[in-house]
Amino acid sequence: MRKILFFPLTAVYYLAYFLWDLCWKMVPSREVSSRVISVGNIAVGGTGKTSLVEYLAARFSETDIKTAVVAKGYKRPASSSMVICDSEDHKWELCGDEAAALARSLKGIKIYVDSNKTIAAQKASDDGNDVIVVDDGFQHRLLKRDLDIVCINGENPFGNRLLLPSGILREPIKSLQRADAFVVFVENNDIDISGLKLPAGKPAFKARKMIVSVETGKNESMDLNGKKVVGFCGIANPDSFYNTLQNTGADIVAFEKFKDHYIYKGEDIKRLIEMMETGNAETAVTTLKDFVKIEKNWPHDKKLCYIKISLAIDNEYEFIRLIENE
């Protein structure tokens, strides 16, 4: 029904995409002196791109390669440039929740935030960074990149294969030809990604999110196994977080879903606390992206924590060779 109802708007979207694509085929891309790796997707919803950005930036930094991240700062009030880092007191309201979460995770790595990713990348390059990882960069075609990685949700890769708003695609599937490699996020490692029929001759890797720890934000960690908890999140794929929370062994007495990039109000916190008290929960658990937005307003006498994750990538040796251009 949704497909039929929104099809006229999808037709308009496709026409706009066709003109946009034609335009960018004629406009030369701008190059910076640093190595640029773009991480993006062609479908709305949780495809794991931010997790991969974190993985890449941490990997390069650990090998003493000066690395920066470029992000748009989605839903922030200003479009001007700013640079944030874990060592600075930055407000998520000014830089966006994803940028704030990345800064919290990536110790010592600067996040260049700008609505124009090319301007941010140029500044990062001028500051002497050897590698620049661009978050959600696949559609930002003005910036020349050395490696274009597209993330795909292996559980629901392309939906009904239609463009927005009838489907979940930001671009037609044929646009995957622009990509250099693919990372397919799966929860079940037995999934055969060959069925996705991705462009031939381009490498594809399976990835799974792995739990590292459960953090309180006060340099403390928790073991949730057997503990009663209330889970909540405001992300594109809340079911994925629910599954992750289940994997901690926690007893989930309630789970609340909010819209992606949701801005929490006092009444939301009050309701979550009531859910904790009703279910006799020891703590509330969320994602880091949500944690950075709610921690300052959370009651001090109620526990709140987030799940820290990492990636396990199949054929990681080959993936590392790819990103390091070996």
Protein backbone atom coordinates (compact mmCIF):
# COMPACT_ATOMS: atom_id res chain seq x y z
CA MET A 1 0.00 0.00 0.00
CA ARG A 2 2.82 2.40 0.94
CA LYS A 3 4.51 1.65 -2.39
CA ILE A 4 1.40 2.64 -4.35
CA LEU A 5 0.58 5.65 -2.19
CA PHE A 6 4.02 7.24 -2.44
CA PHE A 7 4.89 6.18 -5.98
CA PRO A 8 4.22 9.64 -7.52
CA LEU A 9 6.67 11.18 -5.03
CA THR A 10 9.17 8.43 -5.79
CA ALA A 11 8.91 9.31 -9.49
CA VAL A 12 9.72 12.94 -8.65
CA TYR A 13 12.60 11.78 -6.44
CA TYR A 14 13.99 9.64 -9.25
CA LEU A 15 13.84 12.56 -11.70
CA ALA A 16 15.67 14.76 -9.18
CA TYR A 17 18.24 12.00 -8.68
CA PHE A 18 18.73 11.65 -12.45
CA LEU A 19 19.46 15.37 -12.80
CA TRP A 20 21.69 15.35 -9.69
CA ASP A 21 23.66 12.37 -11.01
CA LEU A 22 24.02 13.98 -14.43
CA CYS A 23 25.30 17.16 -12.84
CA TRP A 24 27.96 15.41 -10.79
CA LYS A 25 29.19 13.49 -13.81
CA MET A 26 30.09 16.85 -15.36
CA VAL A 27 31.53 18.55 -12.27
CA PRO A 28 35.19 17.74 -11.51
CA SER A 29 35.87 16.47 -8.01
CA ARG A 30 38.22 18.31 -5.68
CA GLU A 31 41.34 16.59 -4.42
CA VAL A 32 43.14 17.02 -1.13
CA SER A 33 46.68 15.89 -0.39
CA SER A 34 45.65 13.36 2.28
CA ARG A 35 44.39 9.84 1.59
CA VAL A 36 40.58 9.97 1.68
CA ILE A 37 38.41 6.98 2.57
CA SER A 38 34.66 7.46 2.25
CA VAL A 39 32.18 5.32 4.18
CA GLY A 40 28.56 5.52 3.10
CA ASN A 41 25.43 3.72 2.00
CA ILE A 42 22.60 3.86 -0.52
CA ALA A 43 19.78 2.92 1.89
CA VAL A 44 18.33 4.79 4.83
CA GLY A 45 18.33 3.05 8.16
CA GLY A 46 21.08 1.45 10.15
CA THR A 47 23.74 0.09 7.84
CA GLY A 48 26.66 0.28 10.27
CA LYS A 49 28.61 3.07 8.59
CA THR A 50 29.40 4.98 11.80
CA SER A 51 30.76 1.78 13.38
CA LEU A 52 32.98 1.26 10.36
CA VAL A 53 34.19 4.88 10.49
CA GLU A 54 35.22 4.30 14.10
CA TYR A 55 36.94 1.02 13.19
CA LEU A 56 38.94 2.62 10.35
CA ALA A 57 39.99 5.72 12.27
CA ALA A 58 41.08 3.67 15.27
CA ARG A 59 42.99 1.23 13.06
CA PHE A 60 45.03 3.96 11.37
CA SER A 61 45.63 5.84 14.61
CA GLU A 62 46.91 2.68 16.32
CA THR A 63 49.57 2.37 13.62
CA ASP A 64 50.74 5.95 14.26
CA ILE A 65 49.12 7.33 11.12
CA LYS A 66 47.74 10.81 11.80
CA THR A 67 44.04 10.38 11.14
CA ALA A 68 40.97 12.63 11.12
CA VAL A 69 37.26 12.05 10.65
CA VAL A 70 34.95 14.27 8.61
CA ALA A 71 31.26 14.39 9.53
CA LYS A 72 28.31 16.57 8.61
CA GLY A 73 26.91 16.88 12.13
CA TYR A 74 23.37 15.87 11.30
CA LYS A 75 20.59 18.01 12.85
CA ARG A 76 22.95 20.44 14.54
CA PRO A 77 21.71 24.04 14.61
CA ALA A 78 24.65 25.58 12.72
CA SER A 79 26.34 24.73 9.43
CA SER A 80 29.68 26.40 10.22
CA SER A 81 32.91 24.46 10.64
CA MET A 82 34.07 23.14 13.97
CA VAL A 83 36.68 20.68 15.19
CA ILE A 84 36.05 18.50 18.23
CA CYS A 85 38.16 16.01 20.11
CA ASP A 86 37.73 13.77 23.15
CA SER A 87 39.90 16.04 25.26
CA GLU A 88 37.63 19.04 24.75
CA ASP A 89 34.35 19.91 26.44
CA HIS A 90 32.05 19.87 23.43
CA LYS A 91 28.28 19.92 23.40
CA TRP A 92 26.46 17.45 21.20
CA GLU A 93 23.91 20.15 20.40
CA LEU A 94 26.59 22.05 18.49
CA CYS A 95 28.29 19.19 16.67
CA GLY A 96 25.54 16.56 16.29
CA ASP A 97 25.04 13.30 18.19
CA GLU A 98 27.05 11.04 15.86
CA ALA A 99 30.06 13.38 15.83
CA ALA A 100 29.92 13.65 19.63
CA ALA A 101 29.78 9.87 19.94
CA LEU A 102 32.74 9.45 17.59
CA ALA A 103 34.75 12.00 19.57
CA ARG A 104 33.98 10.09 22.77
CA SER A 105 35.13 6.79 21.25
CA LEU A 106 38.14 7.93 19.24
CA LYS A 107 40.64 9.16 21.78
CA GLY A 108 42.98 11.81 20.41
CA ILE A 109 41.41 11.86 16.93
CA LYS A 110 39.92 15.11 15.69
CA ILE A 111 36.45 15.18 14.17
CA TYR A 112 36.02 17.91 11.54
CA VAL A 113 32.35 18.87 11.40
CA ASP A 114 30.93 20.85 8.49
CA SER A 115 27.82 20.69 6.32
CA ASN A 116 30.26 20.83 3.39
CA LYS A 117 32.45 17.75 3.73
CA THR A 118 34.91 19.00 1.10
CA ILE A 119 35.67 22.12 3.17
CA ALA A 120 36.10 19.95 6.28
CA ALA A 121 38.40 17.53 4.43
CA GLN A 122 40.53 20.37 3.10
CA LYS A 123 40.96 21.75 6.61
CA ALA A 124 41.84 18.31 7.96
CA SER A 125 44.40 17.89 5.18
CA ASP A 126 45.88 21.35 5.80
CA ASP A 127 46.28 20.37 9.46
CA GLY A 128 48.64 17.60 8.43
CA ASN A 129 46.43 14.52 8.69
CA ASP A 130 47.66 11.63 6.57
CA VAL A 131 44.30 9.82 6.34
CA ILE A 132 40.80 11.29 6.36
CA VAL A 133 37.80 9.04 6.97
CA VAL A 134 34.56 10.58 5.71
CA ASP A 135 31.36 9.57 7.47
CA ASP A 136 28.36 9.21 5.14
CA GLY A 137 30.40 10.29 2.13
CA PHE A 138 29.00 8.23 -0.74
CA GLN A 139 26.60 10.94 -1.93
CA HIS A 140 29.14 13.75 -1.40
CA ARG A 141 30.71 13.48 -4.83
CA LEU A 142 32.50 16.82 -4.88
CA LEU A 143 35.31 15.38 -2.75
CA LYS A 144 37.67 13.04 -4.55
CA ARG A 145 38.30 9.90 -2.58
CA ASP A 146 40.93 7.17 -2.80
CA LEU A 147 38.60 4.46 -1.53
CA ASP A 148 34.80 4.39 -1.57
CA ILE A 149 33.28 1.85 0.83
CA VAL A 150 29.54 1.21 0.90
CA CYS A 151 27.93 -0.37 3.95
CA ILE A 152 24.95 -2.67 3.51
CA ASN A 153 22.51 -4.11 6.03
CA GLY A 154 22.68 -7.82 5.28
CA GLU A 155 19.31 -8.46 6.94
CA ASN A 156 17.45 -5.96 4.73
CA PRO A 157 19.87 -4.71 2.08
CA PHE A 158 17.64 -2.83 -0.37
CA GLY A 159 14.07 -3.18 0.93
CA ASN A 160 11.62 -3.30 -1.98
CA ARG A 161 14.38 -1.91 -4.24
CA LEU A 162 12.53 1.39 -4.74
CA LEU A 163 13.74 4.91 -4.05
CA LEU A 164 12.38 7.08 -1.25
CA PRO A 165 9.67 7.48 -0.11
CA SER A 166 8.14 4.27 -1.53
CA GLY A 167 11.28 2.36 -0.59
CA ILE A 168 14.43 2.81 1.51
CA LEU A 169 16.93 3.64 -1.24
CA ARG A 170 18.66 7.00 -1.46
CA GLU A 171 20.06 6.01 -4.86
CA PRO A 172 19.27 3.26 -7.36
CA ILE A 173 21.11 -0.03 -6.86
CA LYS A 174 23.08 0.60 -10.05
CA SER A 175 24.90 3.42 -8.22
CA LEU A 176 26.86 0.72 -6.37
CA GLN A 177 29.07 0.64 -9.47
CA ARG A 178 30.75 3.80 -8.08
CA ALA A 179 31.88 1.94 -4.96
CA ASP A 180 35.29 0.29 -4.59
CA ALA A 181 34.31 -2.17 -1.85
CA PHE A 182 31.41 -3.29 0.30
CA VAL A 183 31.00 -4.14 3.97
CA VAL A 184 27.86 -6.17 4.66
CA PHE A 185 26.69 -6.10 8.28
CA VAL A 186 25.14 -9.35 9.45
CA GLU A 187 23.92 -10.70 12.77
CA ASN A 188 24.11 -14.30 11.61
CA ASN A 189 27.49 -15.13 10.11
CA ASP A 190 25.93 -17.97 8.08
CA ILE A 191 24.27 -15.47 5.74
CA ASP A 192 25.55 -15.89 2.19
CA ILE A 193 26.20 -12.40 0.84
CA SER A 194 26.77 -13.69 -2.69
CA GLY A 195 23.00 -13.56 -3.07
CA LEU A 196 23.14 -9.76 -2.98
CA LYS A 197 24.61 -9.79 -6.50
CA LEU A 198 26.94 -6.87 -5.85
CA PRO A 199 29.01 -5.47 -8.74
CA ALA A 200 31.48 -8.05 -10.00
CA GLY A 201 35.17 -7.65 -9.39
CA LYS A 202 34.76 -5.55 -6.25
CA PRO A 203 35.54 -7.02 -2.83
CA ALA A 204 32.79 -7.57 -0.26
CA PHE A 205 33.36 -8.32 3.42
CA LYS A 206 31.00 -9.51 6.12
CA ALA A 207 31.08 -7.67 9.44
CA ARG A 208 29.46 -8.27 12.81
CA LYS A 209 29.13 -5.95 15.78
CA MET A 210 30.80 -7.36 18.89
CA ILE A 211 30.28 -6.26 22.49
CA VAL A 212 33.43 -4.85 24.08
CA SER A 213 32.02 -3.68 27.39
CA VAL A 214 29.15 -1.89 29.09
CA GLU A 215 30.26 1.58 30.23
CA THR A 216 28.79 4.07 32.70
CA GLY A 217 30.63 7.12 31.38
CA LYS A 218 32.55 7.39 34.68
CA ASN A 219 35.46 5.13 33.72
CA GLU A 220 33.49 2.22 35.12
CA SER A 221 32.14 -0.87 33.42
CA MET A 222 29.22 -3.14 34.30
CA ASP A 223 28.35 -6.78 33.83
CA LEU A 224 24.70 -6.96 32.78
CA ASN A 225 24.41 -10.75 32.81
CA GLY A 226 21.27 -11.68 34.72
CA LYS A 227 20.51 -8.08 35.73
CA LYS A 228 17.14 -6.45 35.11
CA VAL A 229 17.47 -3.53 32.73
CA VAL A 230 15.42 -1.05 30.73
CA GLY A 231 16.72 -0.58 27.22
CA PHE A 232 16.08 2.39 24.94
CA CYS A 233 17.51 3.96 21.82
CA GLY A 234 16.87 6.53 19.12
CA ILE A 235 18.63 5.00 16.13
CA ALA A 236 17.64 3.92 12.64
CA ASN A 237 17.71 0.21 13.44
CA PRO A 238 16.48 -0.26 17.04
CA ASP A 239 15.98 -4.01 16.61
CA SER A 240 19.72 -4.39 16.08
CA PHE A 241 20.41 -2.69 19.41
CA TYR A 242 17.77 -4.85 21.12
CA ASN A 243 19.57 -7.96 19.86
CA THR A 244 22.89 -6.57 21.10
CA LEU A 245 21.38 -5.91 24.51
CA GLN A 246 20.04 -9.46 24.62
CA ASN A 247 23.55 -10.73 23.93
CA THR A 248 24.79 -9.16 27.16
CA GLY A 249 22.68 -11.67 29.06
CA ALA A 250 20.57 -8.91 30.61
CA ASP A 251 16.96 -9.46 31.67
CA ILE A 252 15.19 -6.79 29.59
CA VAL A 253 12.09 -5.76 31.54
CA ALA A 254 11.17 -2.97 29.09
CA PHE A 255 12.44 -1.54 25.83
CA GLU A 256 11.57 1.85 24.38
CA LYS A 257 12.16 2.89 20.77
CA PHE A 258 12.58 6.52 19.74
CA LYS A 259 13.06 8.09 16.32
CA ASP A 260 16.57 8.29 14.88
CA HIS A 261 18.51 11.31 16.23
CA TYR A 262 15.76 11.85 18.80
CA ILE A 263 16.23 14.74 21.21
CA TYR A 264 15.23 13.59 24.67
CA LYS A 265 12.90 15.68 26.79
CA GLY A 266 12.37 15.71 30.54
CA GLU A 267 9.13 13.76 30.15
CA ASP A 268 10.98 11.01 28.26
CA ILE A 269 13.49 10.63 31.07
CA LYS A 270 10.68 10.58 33.62
CA ARG A 271 8.92 7.80 31.71
CA LEU A 272 12.11 5.75 31.46
CA ILE A 273 12.70 6.11 35.21
CA GLU A 274 9.13 4.97 35.87
CA MET A 275 9.75 1.93 33.68
CA MET A 276 12.89 1.16 35.70
CA GLU A 277 11.01 1.42 38.99
CA THR A 278 8.06 -0.65 37.75
CA GLY A 279 10.34 -3.42 36.48
CA ASN A 280 12.76 -3.15 39.44
CA ALA A 281 15.55 -2.58 36.92
CA GLU A 282 19.07 -1.97 38.15
CA THR A 283 20.06 0.25 35.23
CA ALA A 284 18.95 1.74 31.93
CA VAL A 285 21.01 0.82 28.88
CA THR A 286 21.33 2.66 25.58
CA THR A 287 23.69 3.36 22.68
CA LEU A 288 26.61 5.77 22.91
CA LYS A 289 24.88 8.06 20.39
CA ASP A 290 21.93 8.34 22.78
CA PHE A 291 24.08 8.41 25.90
CA VAL A 292 25.91 11.60 24.90
CA LYS A 293 22.56 13.37 24.53
CA ILE A 294 20.93 12.29 27.77
CA GLU A 295 23.71 11.80 30.34
CA LYS A 296 23.74 15.38 31.67
CA ASN A 297 20.00 15.34 32.38
CA TRP A 298 19.87 11.83 33.81
CA PRO A 299 19.15 11.62 37.59
CA HIS A 300 22.33 10.96 39.57
CA ASP A 301 20.63 8.35 41.75
CA LYS A 302 19.66 6.18 38.75
CA LYS A 303 22.18 4.14 36.79
CA LEU A 304 22.63 4.71 33.06
CA CYS A 305 25.11 2.94 30.80
CA TYR A 306 25.87 2.32 27.14
CA ILE A 307 27.17 -0.67 25.20
CA LYS A 308 30.59 -0.21 23.67
CA ILE A 309 31.02 -2.23 20.49
CA SER A 310 33.71 -3.15 17.99
CA LEU A 311 33.65 -4.85 14.60
CA ALA A 312 34.66 -8.34 13.60
CA ILE A 313 35.36 -8.37 9.87
CA ASP A 314 35.71 -11.60 7.91
CA ASN A 315 38.92 -11.85 5.90
CA GLU A 316 40.23 -8.96 7.95
CA TYR A 317 43.76 -9.36 6.61
CA GLU A 318 42.53 -8.69 3.09
CA PHE A 319 40.39 -5.81 4.31
CA ILE A 320 43.38 -4.20 6.04
CA ARG A 321 45.43 -4.57 2.86
CA LEU A 322 42.65 -2.83 0.96
CA ILE A 323 42.34 0.16 3.28
CA GLU A 324 46.11 0.54 3.60
CA ASN A 325 46.45 0.42 -0.19
CA GLU A 326 48.88 -2.50 -0.19
